[in-house]
Amino acid sequence: MLDGLIFDVDGTLWDSTDLVAKAWNYVLETETNLPADVTGDLLKTLFGKPMDEICLKIFKGIPVSEHPRLGDICFQKENQLLYQEPVPLYPQILETFQELSTRCPLFIVSNCQKGYIEALLDTTPLKPYITGHLCYGDTNCQKDVTIRRLMKQYNLKKVFYVGDTQGDADACQKADVPFILADYGFGNTPAPAYRIAEPKELLTLPIWD
């Protein structure tokens, strides 16, 4: 029996890239001399990476010592915008979670800042179906470490992780957790344990045998 399913957020549960781009462009305009040219498509190639790596890309040319301050402003703006302009879940996510939650506990682990997962749970109908969550902003660690910490916190022994990027797959390999690829998301990986073309396929995978 599974102890739980752990989910990524961006590219797995929703696509917030256009809204997040607005937050980063706001900071580029107000805090730097760099062009405010961040797009949702660019962020799709960066989401899933640790925050310091994203800052290196977005704030290229700005001293690294400034990145934490600028990043914090970005993350605060993101969280603010998520409440002002709620992002819709991908199709099938809600009804799939309603069914999944009757089979095992559901969790979220993401490389996001504090407040981001909370914004997702506050602005979508998913909150009743999520047992727990942890993020980079909580642990300041790579995703594999965050996954293992959540597993320890909830005494999870047998889980699968559902994500959409090679970074997710790499984290799962390091954490010794099997990876399910959401093919509808932002990335790809050559050899996941399973792959799904749409969320409801989680209900019919052989992980329930």
N, C-alpha and C. Protein backbone atom coordinates (compact mmCIF):
# COMPACT_ATOMS: atom_id res chain seq x y z
N MET A 1 0.84 -1.20 0.00
CA MET A 1 0.00 0.00 0.00
C MET A 1 0.87 1.25 0.00
N LEU A 2 0.47 2.22 -0.79
CA LEU A 2 1.18 3.49 -0.80
C LEU A 2 0.92 4.25 0.50
N ASP A 3 2.00 4.90 1.00
CA ASP A 3 1.83 5.84 2.11
C ASP A 3 1.36 7.20 1.62
N GLY A 4 1.66 7.51 0.35
CA GLY A 4 1.25 8.81 -0.16
C GLY A 4 1.76 9.08 -1.56
N LEU A 5 1.19 10.08 -2.16
CA LEU A 5 1.67 10.65 -3.41
C LEU A 5 2.14 12.07 -3.12
N ILE A 6 3.31 12.43 -3.65
CA ILE A 6 3.87 13.77 -3.47
C ILE A 6 3.86 14.46 -4.83
N PHE A 7 3.39 15.69 -4.86
CA PHE A 7 3.23 16.42 -6.12
C PHE A 7 4.13 17.65 -6.17
N ASP A 8 4.69 17.88 -7.34
CA ASP A 8 5.25 19.17 -7.71
C ASP A 8 4.08 20.15 -7.91
N VAL A 9 4.38 21.43 -8.10
CA VAL A 9 3.33 22.42 -8.32
C VAL A 9 3.31 22.90 -9.77
N ASP A 10 4.35 23.64 -10.16
CA ASP A 10 4.36 24.31 -11.46
C ASP A 10 4.57 23.30 -12.59
N GLY A 11 3.64 23.30 -13.55
CA GLY A 11 3.70 22.35 -14.63
C GLY A 11 3.07 21.01 -14.29
N THR A 12 2.64 20.86 -13.04
CA THR A 12 2.01 19.62 -12.59
C THR A 12 0.59 19.87 -12.11
N LEU A 13 0.41 20.93 -11.32
CA LEU A 13 -0.92 21.28 -10.81
C LEU A 13 -1.50 22.50 -11.52
N TRP A 14 -0.64 23.42 -11.92
CA TRP A 14 -1.10 24.63 -12.62
C TRP A 14 0.04 25.21 -13.42
N ASP A 15 -0.26 26.25 -14.20
CA ASP A 15 0.74 27.01 -14.96
C ASP A 15 0.62 28.47 -14.56
N SER A 16 1.51 28.90 -13.66
CA SER A 16 1.49 30.28 -13.16
C SER A 16 2.55 31.14 -13.84
N THR A 17 3.16 30.65 -14.91
CA THR A 17 4.36 31.31 -15.45
C THR A 17 4.08 32.75 -15.91
N ASP A 18 2.94 33.00 -16.54
CA ASP A 18 2.67 34.36 -17.02
C ASP A 18 2.51 35.32 -15.84
N LEU A 19 1.85 34.87 -14.79
CA LEU A 19 1.69 35.73 -13.62
C LEU A 19 3.01 35.95 -12.92
N VAL A 20 3.80 34.90 -12.78
CA VAL A 20 5.11 35.03 -12.12
C VAL A 20 6.01 35.95 -12.94
N ALA A 21 5.92 35.88 -14.26
CA ALA A 21 6.70 36.79 -15.11
C ALA A 21 6.37 38.24 -14.78
N LYS A 22 5.12 38.54 -14.50
CA LYS A 22 4.73 39.90 -14.13
C LYS A 22 5.46 40.35 -12.86
N ALA A 23 5.58 39.44 -11.91
CA ALA A 23 6.26 39.78 -10.66
C ALA A 23 7.74 40.06 -10.90
N TRP A 24 8.39 39.20 -11.68
CA TRP A 24 9.82 39.39 -11.94
C TRP A 24 10.05 40.66 -12.76
N ASN A 25 9.19 40.93 -13.71
CA ASN A 25 9.35 42.15 -14.51
C ASN A 25 9.13 43.40 -13.66
N TYR A 26 8.23 43.33 -12.72
CA TYR A 26 8.02 44.45 -11.79
C TYR A 26 9.32 44.77 -11.05
N VAL A 27 9.99 43.73 -10.58
CA VAL A 27 11.23 43.94 -9.83
C VAL A 27 12.35 44.42 -10.75
N LEU A 28 12.42 43.87 -11.95
CA LEU A 28 13.43 44.34 -12.90
C LEU A 28 13.24 45.81 -13.22
N GLU A 29 11.99 46.24 -13.34
CA GLU A 29 11.70 47.65 -13.66
C GLU A 29 11.98 48.58 -12.49
N THR A 30 11.67 48.14 -11.29
CA THR A 30 11.74 49.04 -10.13
C THR A 30 13.05 48.97 -9.36
N GLU A 31 13.79 47.87 -9.53
CA GLU A 31 14.97 47.66 -8.69
C GLU A 31 16.28 47.54 -9.48
N THR A 32 16.21 47.46 -10.82
CA THR A 32 17.42 47.24 -11.60
C THR A 32 17.38 48.09 -12.88
N ASN A 33 18.48 48.06 -13.60
CA ASN A 33 18.56 48.69 -14.91
C ASN A 33 18.43 47.67 -16.04
N LEU A 34 18.12 46.45 -15.70
CA LEU A 34 17.97 45.40 -16.71
C LEU A 34 16.62 45.53 -17.40
N PRO A 35 16.52 45.04 -18.63
CA PRO A 35 15.22 45.07 -19.32
C PRO A 35 14.22 44.14 -18.65
N ALA A 36 12.98 44.59 -18.61
CA ALA A 36 11.91 43.77 -18.03
C ALA A 36 11.36 42.87 -19.12
N ASP A 37 12.11 41.81 -19.43
CA ASP A 37 11.77 40.97 -20.58
C ASP A 37 11.55 39.50 -20.22
N VAL A 38 11.19 39.26 -18.97
CA VAL A 38 10.89 37.89 -18.55
C VAL A 38 9.53 37.49 -19.12
N THR A 39 9.46 36.30 -19.68
CA THR A 39 8.20 35.79 -20.24
C THR A 39 7.83 34.47 -19.58
N GLY A 40 6.58 34.11 -19.74
CA GLY A 40 6.15 32.81 -19.25
C GLY A 40 6.91 31.68 -19.90
N ASP A 41 7.20 31.80 -21.18
CA ASP A 41 7.93 30.75 -21.88
C ASP A 41 9.34 30.58 -21.32
N LEU A 42 10.00 31.69 -21.00
CA LEU A 42 11.32 31.59 -20.37
C LEU A 42 11.22 30.87 -19.03
N LEU A 43 10.23 31.23 -18.23
CA LEU A 43 10.10 30.63 -16.91
C LEU A 43 9.80 29.13 -16.99
N LYS A 44 9.14 28.70 -18.04
CA LYS A 44 8.88 27.27 -18.21
C LYS A 44 10.19 26.48 -18.29
N THR A 45 11.25 27.12 -18.78
CA THR A 45 12.54 26.45 -18.87
C THR A 45 13.31 26.51 -17.56
N LEU A 46 12.86 27.37 -16.64
CA LEU A 46 13.57 27.57 -15.38
C LEU A 46 12.87 26.96 -14.18
N PHE A 47 11.55 26.87 -14.24
CA PHE A 47 10.81 26.33 -13.10
C PHE A 47 11.28 24.90 -12.82
N GLY A 48 11.37 24.60 -11.54
CA GLY A 48 11.90 23.31 -11.12
C GLY A 48 13.34 23.39 -10.66
N LYS A 49 14.02 24.47 -11.06
CA LYS A 49 15.39 24.68 -10.61
C LYS A 49 15.38 25.38 -9.25
N PRO A 50 16.44 25.25 -8.47
CA PRO A 50 16.52 26.00 -7.21
C PRO A 50 16.47 27.50 -7.46
N MET A 51 15.98 28.22 -6.47
CA MET A 51 15.78 29.66 -6.63
C MET A 51 17.08 30.40 -6.94
N ASP A 52 18.21 29.96 -6.37
CA ASP A 52 19.46 30.68 -6.64
C ASP A 52 19.86 30.55 -8.11
N GLU A 53 19.56 29.41 -8.72
CA GLU A 53 19.87 29.23 -10.15
C GLU A 53 18.97 30.11 -11.02
N ILE A 54 17.71 30.25 -10.63
CA ILE A 54 16.81 31.12 -11.38
C ILE A 54 17.27 32.57 -11.28
N CYS A 55 17.70 32.98 -10.10
CA CYS A 55 18.18 34.35 -9.93
C CYS A 55 19.42 34.61 -10.78
N LEU A 56 20.30 33.62 -10.91
CA LEU A 56 21.49 33.79 -11.74
C LEU A 56 21.10 34.08 -13.18
N LYS A 57 20.04 33.47 -13.65
CA LYS A 57 19.59 33.67 -15.02
C LYS A 57 18.88 35.01 -15.19
N ILE A 58 17.96 35.31 -14.29
CA ILE A 58 17.15 36.52 -14.44
C ILE A 58 17.96 37.79 -14.15
N PHE A 59 18.83 37.71 -13.15
CA PHE A 59 19.58 38.90 -12.73
C PHE A 59 21.02 38.85 -13.24
N LYS A 60 21.20 38.31 -14.42
CA LYS A 60 22.53 38.20 -15.01
C LYS A 60 23.17 39.58 -15.14
N GLY A 61 24.39 39.70 -14.62
CA GLY A 61 25.10 40.98 -14.65
C GLY A 61 25.01 41.76 -13.36
N ILE A 62 24.07 41.38 -12.50
CA ILE A 62 23.94 42.02 -11.19
C ILE A 62 24.75 41.20 -10.18
N PRO A 63 25.49 41.85 -9.28
CA PRO A 63 26.28 41.10 -8.30
C PRO A 63 25.45 40.05 -7.57
N VAL A 64 26.03 38.88 -7.43
CA VAL A 64 25.32 37.77 -6.79
C VAL A 64 24.89 38.15 -5.37
N SER A 65 25.66 39.02 -4.75
CA SER A 65 25.32 39.44 -3.39
C SER A 65 23.97 40.15 -3.32
N GLU A 66 23.50 40.69 -4.47
CA GLU A 66 22.22 41.38 -4.53
C GLU A 66 21.06 40.42 -4.82
N HIS A 67 21.36 39.23 -5.28
CA HIS A 67 20.31 38.31 -5.71
C HIS A 67 19.33 37.95 -4.60
N PRO A 68 19.79 37.65 -3.39
CA PRO A 68 18.81 37.30 -2.34
C PRO A 68 17.81 38.42 -2.08
N ARG A 69 18.27 39.67 -2.05
CA ARG A 69 17.35 40.78 -1.80
C ARG A 69 16.34 40.92 -2.94
N LEU A 70 16.83 40.88 -4.17
CA LEU A 70 15.94 41.00 -5.32
C LEU A 70 14.99 39.81 -5.41
N GLY A 71 15.52 38.63 -5.13
CA GLY A 71 14.68 37.45 -5.15
C GLY A 71 13.55 37.53 -4.14
N ASP A 72 13.89 38.00 -2.94
CA ASP A 72 12.86 38.12 -1.90
C ASP A 72 11.74 39.07 -2.33
N ILE A 73 12.10 40.17 -2.99
CA ILE A 73 11.08 41.09 -3.47
C ILE A 73 10.21 40.42 -4.52
N CYS A 74 10.86 39.68 -5.41
CA CYS A 74 10.11 38.94 -6.44
C CYS A 74 9.13 37.96 -5.81
N PHE A 75 9.61 37.21 -4.85
CA PHE A 75 8.76 36.18 -4.26
C PHE A 75 7.58 36.79 -3.52
N GLN A 76 7.82 37.90 -2.83
CA GLN A 76 6.71 38.59 -2.16
C GLN A 76 5.69 39.08 -3.18
N LYS A 77 6.19 39.61 -4.30
CA LYS A 77 5.29 40.10 -5.35
C LYS A 77 4.51 38.94 -5.97
N GLU A 78 5.18 37.82 -6.20
CA GLU A 78 4.49 36.63 -6.72
C GLU A 78 3.34 36.25 -5.81
N ASN A 79 3.65 36.10 -4.52
CA ASN A 79 2.61 35.67 -3.58
C ASN A 79 1.44 36.65 -3.55
N GLN A 80 1.76 37.94 -3.61
CA GLN A 80 0.71 38.96 -3.64
C GLN A 80 -0.17 38.81 -4.88
N LEU A 81 0.46 38.66 -6.05
CA LEU A 81 -0.29 38.55 -7.30
C LEU A 81 -1.13 37.29 -7.36
N LEU A 82 -0.64 36.21 -6.75
CA LEU A 82 -1.40 34.96 -6.78
C LEU A 82 -2.75 35.11 -6.08
N TYR A 83 -2.81 35.96 -5.07
CA TYR A 83 -4.09 36.22 -4.40
C TYR A 83 -4.95 37.20 -5.20
N GLN A 84 -4.28 38.14 -5.87
CA GLN A 84 -5.03 39.14 -6.63
C GLN A 84 -5.56 38.59 -7.95
N GLU A 85 -4.79 37.69 -8.55
CA GLU A 85 -5.15 37.13 -9.86
C GLU A 85 -5.01 35.61 -9.81
N PRO A 86 -5.90 34.91 -9.11
CA PRO A 86 -5.74 33.47 -8.90
C PRO A 86 -5.54 32.70 -10.21
N VAL A 87 -4.65 31.72 -10.14
CA VAL A 87 -4.32 30.89 -11.29
C VAL A 87 -5.20 29.64 -11.27
N PRO A 88 -5.79 29.26 -12.39
CA PRO A 88 -6.62 28.05 -12.40
C PRO A 88 -5.77 26.78 -12.36
N LEU A 89 -6.33 25.75 -11.76
CA LEU A 89 -5.71 24.43 -11.82
C LEU A 89 -5.80 23.89 -13.24
N TYR A 90 -4.90 22.96 -13.56
CA TYR A 90 -5.04 22.25 -14.82
C TYR A 90 -6.36 21.47 -14.83
N PRO A 91 -6.92 21.22 -16.00
CA PRO A 91 -8.12 20.38 -16.09
C PRO A 91 -7.87 19.02 -15.44
N GLN A 92 -8.90 18.51 -14.79
CA GLN A 92 -8.92 17.19 -14.15
C GLN A 92 -8.20 17.13 -12.80
N ILE A 93 -7.46 18.17 -12.42
CA ILE A 93 -6.73 18.09 -11.17
C ILE A 93 -7.67 17.93 -9.97
N LEU A 94 -8.68 18.75 -9.88
CA LEU A 94 -9.54 18.71 -8.70
C LEU A 94 -10.24 17.37 -8.56
N GLU A 95 -10.90 16.91 -9.62
CA GLU A 95 -11.62 15.64 -9.50
C GLU A 95 -10.68 14.47 -9.29
N THR A 96 -9.48 14.55 -9.86
CA THR A 96 -8.49 13.49 -9.63
C THR A 96 -8.04 13.48 -8.18
N PHE A 97 -7.81 14.66 -7.60
CA PHE A 97 -7.40 14.72 -6.20
C PHE A 97 -8.52 14.26 -5.27
N GLN A 98 -9.74 14.57 -5.63
CA GLN A 98 -10.85 14.10 -4.80
C GLN A 98 -10.86 12.58 -4.69
N GLU A 99 -10.59 11.90 -5.80
CA GLU A 99 -10.55 10.44 -5.78
C GLU A 99 -9.26 9.94 -5.15
N LEU A 100 -8.14 10.52 -5.51
CA LEU A 100 -6.86 10.07 -4.95
C LEU A 100 -6.84 10.14 -3.43
N SER A 101 -7.44 11.20 -2.89
CA SER A 101 -7.39 11.40 -1.44
C SER A 101 -8.16 10.33 -0.68
N THR A 102 -9.01 9.59 -1.36
CA THR A 102 -9.69 8.46 -0.72
C THR A 102 -8.82 7.21 -0.72
N ARG A 103 -7.72 7.24 -1.45
CA ARG A 103 -6.84 6.07 -1.56
C ARG A 103 -5.58 6.20 -0.72
N CYS A 104 -5.03 7.43 -0.63
CA CYS A 104 -3.81 7.64 0.15
C CYS A 104 -3.66 9.13 0.44
N PRO A 105 -2.84 9.50 1.42
CA PRO A 105 -2.59 10.92 1.68
C PRO A 105 -1.84 11.57 0.51
N LEU A 106 -2.11 12.85 0.30
CA LEU A 106 -1.49 13.61 -0.79
C LEU A 106 -0.65 14.74 -0.20
N PHE A 107 0.50 14.97 -0.81
CA PHE A 107 1.46 15.96 -0.32
C PHE A 107 1.98 16.80 -1.48
N ILE A 108 2.61 17.93 -1.14
CA ILE A 108 3.25 18.79 -2.13
C ILE A 108 4.66 19.10 -1.67
N VAL A 109 5.63 18.96 -2.59
CA VAL A 109 7.00 19.42 -2.38
C VAL A 109 7.42 20.20 -3.62
N SER A 110 7.88 21.42 -3.41
CA SER A 110 8.25 22.28 -4.53
C SER A 110 9.51 23.07 -4.19
N ASN A 111 10.21 23.53 -5.23
CA ASN A 111 11.38 24.39 -5.05
C ASN A 111 10.99 25.85 -4.92
N CYS A 112 9.80 26.13 -4.44
CA CYS A 112 9.31 27.51 -4.37
C CYS A 112 9.63 28.16 -3.04
N GLN A 113 9.24 29.42 -2.91
CA GLN A 113 9.41 30.17 -1.68
C GLN A 113 8.26 29.89 -0.71
N LYS A 114 8.48 30.27 0.54
CA LYS A 114 7.40 30.21 1.52
C LYS A 114 6.24 31.07 1.05
N GLY A 115 5.04 30.57 1.26
CA GLY A 115 3.85 31.32 0.90
C GLY A 115 3.27 30.94 -0.44
N TYR A 116 4.08 30.32 -1.31
CA TYR A 116 3.61 30.00 -2.66
C TYR A 116 2.63 28.83 -2.63
N ILE A 117 3.00 27.76 -1.93
CA ILE A 117 2.08 26.62 -1.81
C ILE A 117 0.83 27.05 -1.04
N GLU A 118 1.02 27.87 -0.02
CA GLU A 118 -0.12 28.36 0.74
C GLU A 118 -1.07 29.14 -0.16
N ALA A 119 -0.51 29.93 -1.09
CA ALA A 119 -1.35 30.68 -2.02
C ALA A 119 -2.13 29.74 -2.93
N LEU A 120 -1.48 28.69 -3.39
CA LEU A 120 -2.19 27.70 -4.20
C LEU A 120 -3.36 27.09 -3.42
N LEU A 121 -3.10 26.72 -2.17
CA LEU A 121 -4.15 26.07 -1.37
C LEU A 121 -5.26 27.03 -0.98
N ASP A 122 -4.91 28.31 -0.82
CA ASP A 122 -5.92 29.31 -0.44
C ASP A 122 -6.79 29.76 -1.61
N THR A 123 -6.27 29.64 -2.84
CA THR A 123 -6.98 30.20 -3.99
C THR A 123 -7.54 29.13 -4.93
N THR A 124 -7.35 27.88 -4.58
CA THR A 124 -7.93 26.77 -5.36
C THR A 124 -8.69 25.86 -4.39
N PRO A 125 -9.44 24.91 -4.89
CA PRO A 125 -10.19 24.01 -4.00
C PRO A 125 -9.38 22.82 -3.48
N LEU A 126 -8.06 22.83 -3.59
CA LEU A 126 -7.26 21.65 -3.24
C LEU A 126 -7.00 21.46 -1.75
N LYS A 127 -7.13 22.53 -0.96
CA LYS A 127 -6.69 22.47 0.44
C LYS A 127 -7.24 21.27 1.21
N PRO A 128 -8.52 20.90 1.07
CA PRO A 128 -9.02 19.78 1.87
C PRO A 128 -8.37 18.43 1.55
N TYR A 129 -7.68 18.36 0.43
CA TYR A 129 -7.15 17.07 -0.03
C TYR A 129 -5.64 16.94 0.19
N ILE A 130 -5.01 17.97 0.75
CA ILE A 130 -3.56 17.95 0.95
C ILE A 130 -3.25 17.75 2.44
N THR A 131 -2.50 16.69 2.71
CA THR A 131 -2.15 16.37 4.09
C THR A 131 -1.00 17.22 4.60
N GLY A 132 -0.03 17.52 3.73
CA GLY A 132 1.11 18.32 4.16
C GLY A 132 1.91 18.80 2.98
N HIS A 133 2.81 19.76 3.24
CA HIS A 133 3.64 20.29 2.16
C HIS A 133 4.93 20.85 2.74
N LEU A 134 5.93 20.95 1.86
CA LEU A 134 7.24 21.48 2.24
C LEU A 134 7.86 22.06 0.98
N CYS A 135 8.69 23.10 1.15
CA CYS A 135 9.27 23.75 -0.02
C CYS A 135 10.70 24.20 0.27
N TYR A 136 11.35 24.67 -0.78
CA TYR A 136 12.72 25.19 -0.66
C TYR A 136 12.78 26.31 0.37
N GLY A 137 11.77 27.16 0.40
CA GLY A 137 11.76 28.25 1.36
C GLY A 137 11.70 27.78 2.80
N ASP A 138 11.20 26.57 3.02
CA ASP A 138 11.15 26.00 4.37
C ASP A 138 12.48 25.38 4.77
N THR A 139 13.15 24.74 3.81
CA THR A 139 14.34 23.94 4.13
C THR A 139 15.65 24.56 3.66
N ASN A 140 15.58 25.46 2.66
CA ASN A 140 16.78 26.01 2.02
C ASN A 140 17.69 24.89 1.52
N CYS A 141 17.06 23.81 1.06
CA CYS A 141 17.78 22.64 0.58
C CYS A 141 17.30 22.25 -0.81
N GLN A 142 18.10 21.46 -1.50
CA GLN A 142 17.70 20.91 -2.79
C GLN A 142 16.44 20.05 -2.62
N LYS A 143 15.75 19.84 -3.74
CA LYS A 143 14.45 19.17 -3.67
C LYS A 143 14.54 17.75 -3.12
N ASP A 144 15.60 17.02 -3.42
CA ASP A 144 15.70 15.66 -2.90
C ASP A 144 15.74 15.65 -1.38
N VAL A 145 16.44 16.62 -0.79
CA VAL A 145 16.50 16.71 0.67
C VAL A 145 15.13 17.09 1.22
N THR A 146 14.45 18.01 0.55
CA THR A 146 13.12 18.43 1.00
C THR A 146 12.14 17.26 0.93
N ILE A 147 12.23 16.46 -0.11
CA ILE A 147 11.37 15.27 -0.22
C ILE A 147 11.61 14.34 0.96
N ARG A 148 12.87 14.07 1.25
CA ARG A 148 13.19 13.15 2.35
C ARG A 148 12.74 13.73 3.70
N ARG A 149 12.85 15.03 3.86
CA ARG A 149 12.41 15.63 5.12
C ARG A 149 10.90 15.49 5.29
N LEU A 150 10.16 15.71 4.22
CA LEU A 150 8.72 15.53 4.31
C LEU A 150 8.38 14.07 4.63
N MET A 151 9.08 13.15 3.99
CA MET A 151 8.83 11.73 4.26
C MET A 151 9.11 11.39 5.72
N LYS A 152 10.19 11.93 6.26
CA LYS A 152 10.50 11.69 7.67
C LYS A 152 9.45 12.31 8.57
N GLN A 153 9.02 13.52 8.23
CA GLN A 153 8.03 14.23 9.05
C GLN A 153 6.73 13.46 9.17
N TYR A 154 6.33 12.81 8.06
CA TYR A 154 5.05 12.10 8.04
C TYR A 154 5.23 10.58 8.07
N ASN A 155 6.46 10.13 8.35
CA ASN A 155 6.75 8.70 8.47
C ASN A 155 6.30 7.94 7.22
N LEU A 156 6.68 8.46 6.05
CA LEU A 156 6.31 7.85 4.77
C LEU A 156 7.40 6.90 4.32
N LYS A 157 7.03 5.71 3.96
CA LYS A 157 7.99 4.70 3.50
C LYS A 157 7.85 4.41 2.01
N LYS A 158 6.62 4.35 1.52
CA LYS A 158 6.40 4.02 0.11
C LYS A 158 5.58 5.14 -0.53
N VAL A 159 6.25 5.93 -1.36
CA VAL A 159 5.60 7.05 -2.04
C VAL A 159 6.04 7.08 -3.50
N PHE A 160 5.28 7.80 -4.31
CA PHE A 160 5.69 8.20 -5.65
C PHE A 160 5.66 9.72 -5.69
N TYR A 161 6.52 10.29 -6.54
CA TYR A 161 6.54 11.74 -6.74
C TYR A 161 6.05 12.03 -8.15
N VAL A 162 5.13 12.99 -8.28
CA VAL A 162 4.58 13.37 -9.58
C VAL A 162 5.10 14.76 -9.94
N GLY A 163 5.86 14.83 -11.03
CA GLY A 163 6.42 16.10 -11.47
C GLY A 163 6.55 16.14 -12.97
N ASP A 164 7.22 17.17 -13.49
CA ASP A 164 7.20 17.36 -14.94
C ASP A 164 8.54 17.72 -15.57
N THR A 165 9.61 17.74 -14.81
CA THR A 165 10.90 18.16 -15.37
C THR A 165 12.00 17.16 -15.05
N GLN A 166 13.11 17.30 -15.76
CA GLN A 166 14.28 16.47 -15.48
C GLN A 166 14.80 16.75 -14.08
N GLY A 167 14.69 18.00 -13.65
CA GLY A 167 15.09 18.32 -12.29
C GLY A 167 14.31 17.55 -11.25
N ASP A 168 13.00 17.38 -11.49
CA ASP A 168 12.19 16.56 -10.59
C ASP A 168 12.67 15.12 -10.61
N ALA A 169 12.95 14.60 -11.80
CA ALA A 169 13.42 13.22 -11.93
C ALA A 169 14.75 13.03 -11.21
N ASP A 170 15.66 14.00 -11.36
CA ASP A 170 16.97 13.91 -10.70
C ASP A 170 16.81 13.91 -9.18
N ALA A 171 15.92 14.77 -8.69
CA ALA A 171 15.68 14.84 -7.24
C ALA A 171 15.13 13.52 -6.73
N CYS A 172 14.22 12.93 -7.49
CA CYS A 172 13.64 11.65 -7.07
C CYS A 172 14.70 10.55 -7.05
N GLN A 173 15.59 10.57 -8.02
CA GLN A 173 16.65 9.56 -8.04
C GLN A 173 17.53 9.70 -6.81
N LYS A 174 17.88 10.93 -6.45
CA LYS A 174 18.71 11.15 -5.26
C LYS A 174 17.97 10.77 -3.99
N ALA A 175 16.66 11.00 -3.97
CA ALA A 175 15.86 10.70 -2.78
C ALA A 175 15.40 9.24 -2.74
N ASP A 176 15.70 8.48 -3.80
CA ASP A 176 15.30 7.08 -3.91
C ASP A 176 13.77 6.94 -3.86
N VAL A 177 13.12 7.81 -4.66
CA VAL A 177 11.66 7.82 -4.77
C VAL A 177 11.30 7.64 -6.24
N PRO A 178 10.41 6.71 -6.59
CA PRO A 178 10.03 6.56 -8.00
C PRO A 178 9.29 7.79 -8.52
N PHE A 179 9.56 8.10 -9.79
CA PHE A 179 9.09 9.34 -10.40
C PHE A 179 8.03 9.06 -11.45
N ILE A 180 6.92 9.81 -11.35
CA ILE A 180 5.86 9.78 -12.36
C ILE A 180 5.90 11.09 -13.13
N LEU A 181 6.09 11.01 -14.45
CA LEU A 181 6.20 12.21 -15.27
C LEU A 181 4.84 12.68 -15.75
N ALA A 182 4.53 13.94 -15.48
CA ALA A 182 3.34 14.59 -16.03
C ALA A 182 3.71 15.12 -17.41
N ASP A 183 3.36 14.35 -18.43
CA ASP A 183 3.74 14.70 -19.81
C ASP A 183 3.14 16.02 -20.28
N TYR A 184 2.09 16.48 -19.62
CA TYR A 184 1.42 17.71 -20.02
C TYR A 184 2.11 18.96 -19.47
N GLY A 185 3.20 18.77 -18.72
CA GLY A 185 3.86 19.88 -18.05
C GLY A 185 4.92 20.57 -18.87
N PHE A 186 5.95 21.09 -18.19
CA PHE A 186 6.93 21.97 -18.82
C PHE A 186 8.11 21.23 -19.43
N GLY A 187 8.41 20.02 -18.99
CA GLY A 187 9.64 19.37 -19.42
C GLY A 187 9.44 17.94 -19.85
N ASN A 188 10.53 17.19 -19.75
CA ASN A 188 10.50 15.78 -20.15
C ASN A 188 11.67 15.09 -19.47
N THR A 189 11.61 13.78 -19.41
CA THR A 189 12.71 12.98 -18.91
C THR A 189 12.59 11.61 -19.56
N PRO A 190 13.70 10.97 -19.87
CA PRO A 190 13.63 9.78 -20.72
C PRO A 190 13.11 8.52 -20.06
N ALA A 191 13.26 8.38 -18.76
CA ALA A 191 12.96 7.07 -18.17
C ALA A 191 12.27 7.18 -16.81
N PRO A 192 11.07 7.78 -16.76
CA PRO A 192 10.34 7.80 -15.50
C PRO A 192 9.80 6.42 -15.16
N ALA A 193 9.42 6.22 -13.92
CA ALA A 193 8.78 4.96 -13.55
C ALA A 193 7.48 4.79 -14.31
N TYR A 194 6.73 5.90 -14.42
CA TYR A 194 5.49 5.95 -15.20
C TYR A 194 5.37 7.33 -15.79
N ARG A 195 4.53 7.46 -16.82
CA ARG A 195 4.22 8.78 -17.36
C ARG A 195 2.72 8.87 -17.58
N ILE A 196 2.19 10.07 -17.39
CA ILE A 196 0.76 10.30 -17.58
C ILE A 196 0.57 11.44 -18.56
N ALA A 197 -0.37 11.28 -19.48
CA ALA A 197 -0.69 12.32 -20.45
C ALA A 197 -1.71 13.30 -19.90
N GLU A 198 -2.44 12.91 -18.88
CA GLU A 198 -3.42 13.77 -18.22
C GLU A 198 -3.57 13.30 -16.78
N PRO A 199 -3.97 14.18 -15.86
CA PRO A 199 -3.98 13.84 -14.44
C PRO A 199 -4.77 12.60 -14.08
N LYS A 200 -5.92 12.39 -14.71
CA LYS A 200 -6.78 11.27 -14.29
C LYS A 200 -6.13 9.92 -14.53
N GLU A 201 -5.07 9.86 -15.34
CA GLU A 201 -4.38 8.59 -15.55
C GLU A 201 -3.70 8.09 -14.28
N LEU A 202 -3.49 8.98 -13.31
CA LEU A 202 -2.95 8.53 -12.02
C LEU A 202 -3.84 7.48 -11.38
N LEU A 203 -5.12 7.55 -11.66
CA LEU A 203 -6.08 6.64 -11.02
C LEU A 203 -5.98 5.22 -11.53
N THR A 204 -5.37 5.04 -12.69
CA THR A 204 -5.33 3.71 -13.31
C THR A 204 -3.93 3.13 -13.42
N LEU A 205 -2.94 3.81 -12.86
CA LEU A 205 -1.58 3.27 -12.88
C LEU A 205 -1.49 2.03 -12.01
N PRO A 206 -0.56 1.14 -12.30
CA PRO A 206 -0.42 -0.09 -11.49
C PRO A 206 0.19 0.15 -10.11
N ILE A 207 0.39 1.39 -9.72
CA ILE A 207 0.90 1.67 -8.36
C ILE A 207 -0.09 1.27 -7.28
N TRP A 208 -1.33 1.05 -7.67
CA TRP A 208 -2.37 0.70 -6.69
C TRP A 208 -2.50 -0.80 -6.48
N ASP A 209 -1.75 -1.58 -7.24
CA ASP A 209 -1.86 -3.04 -7.12
C ASP A 209 -1.28 -3.53 -5.81
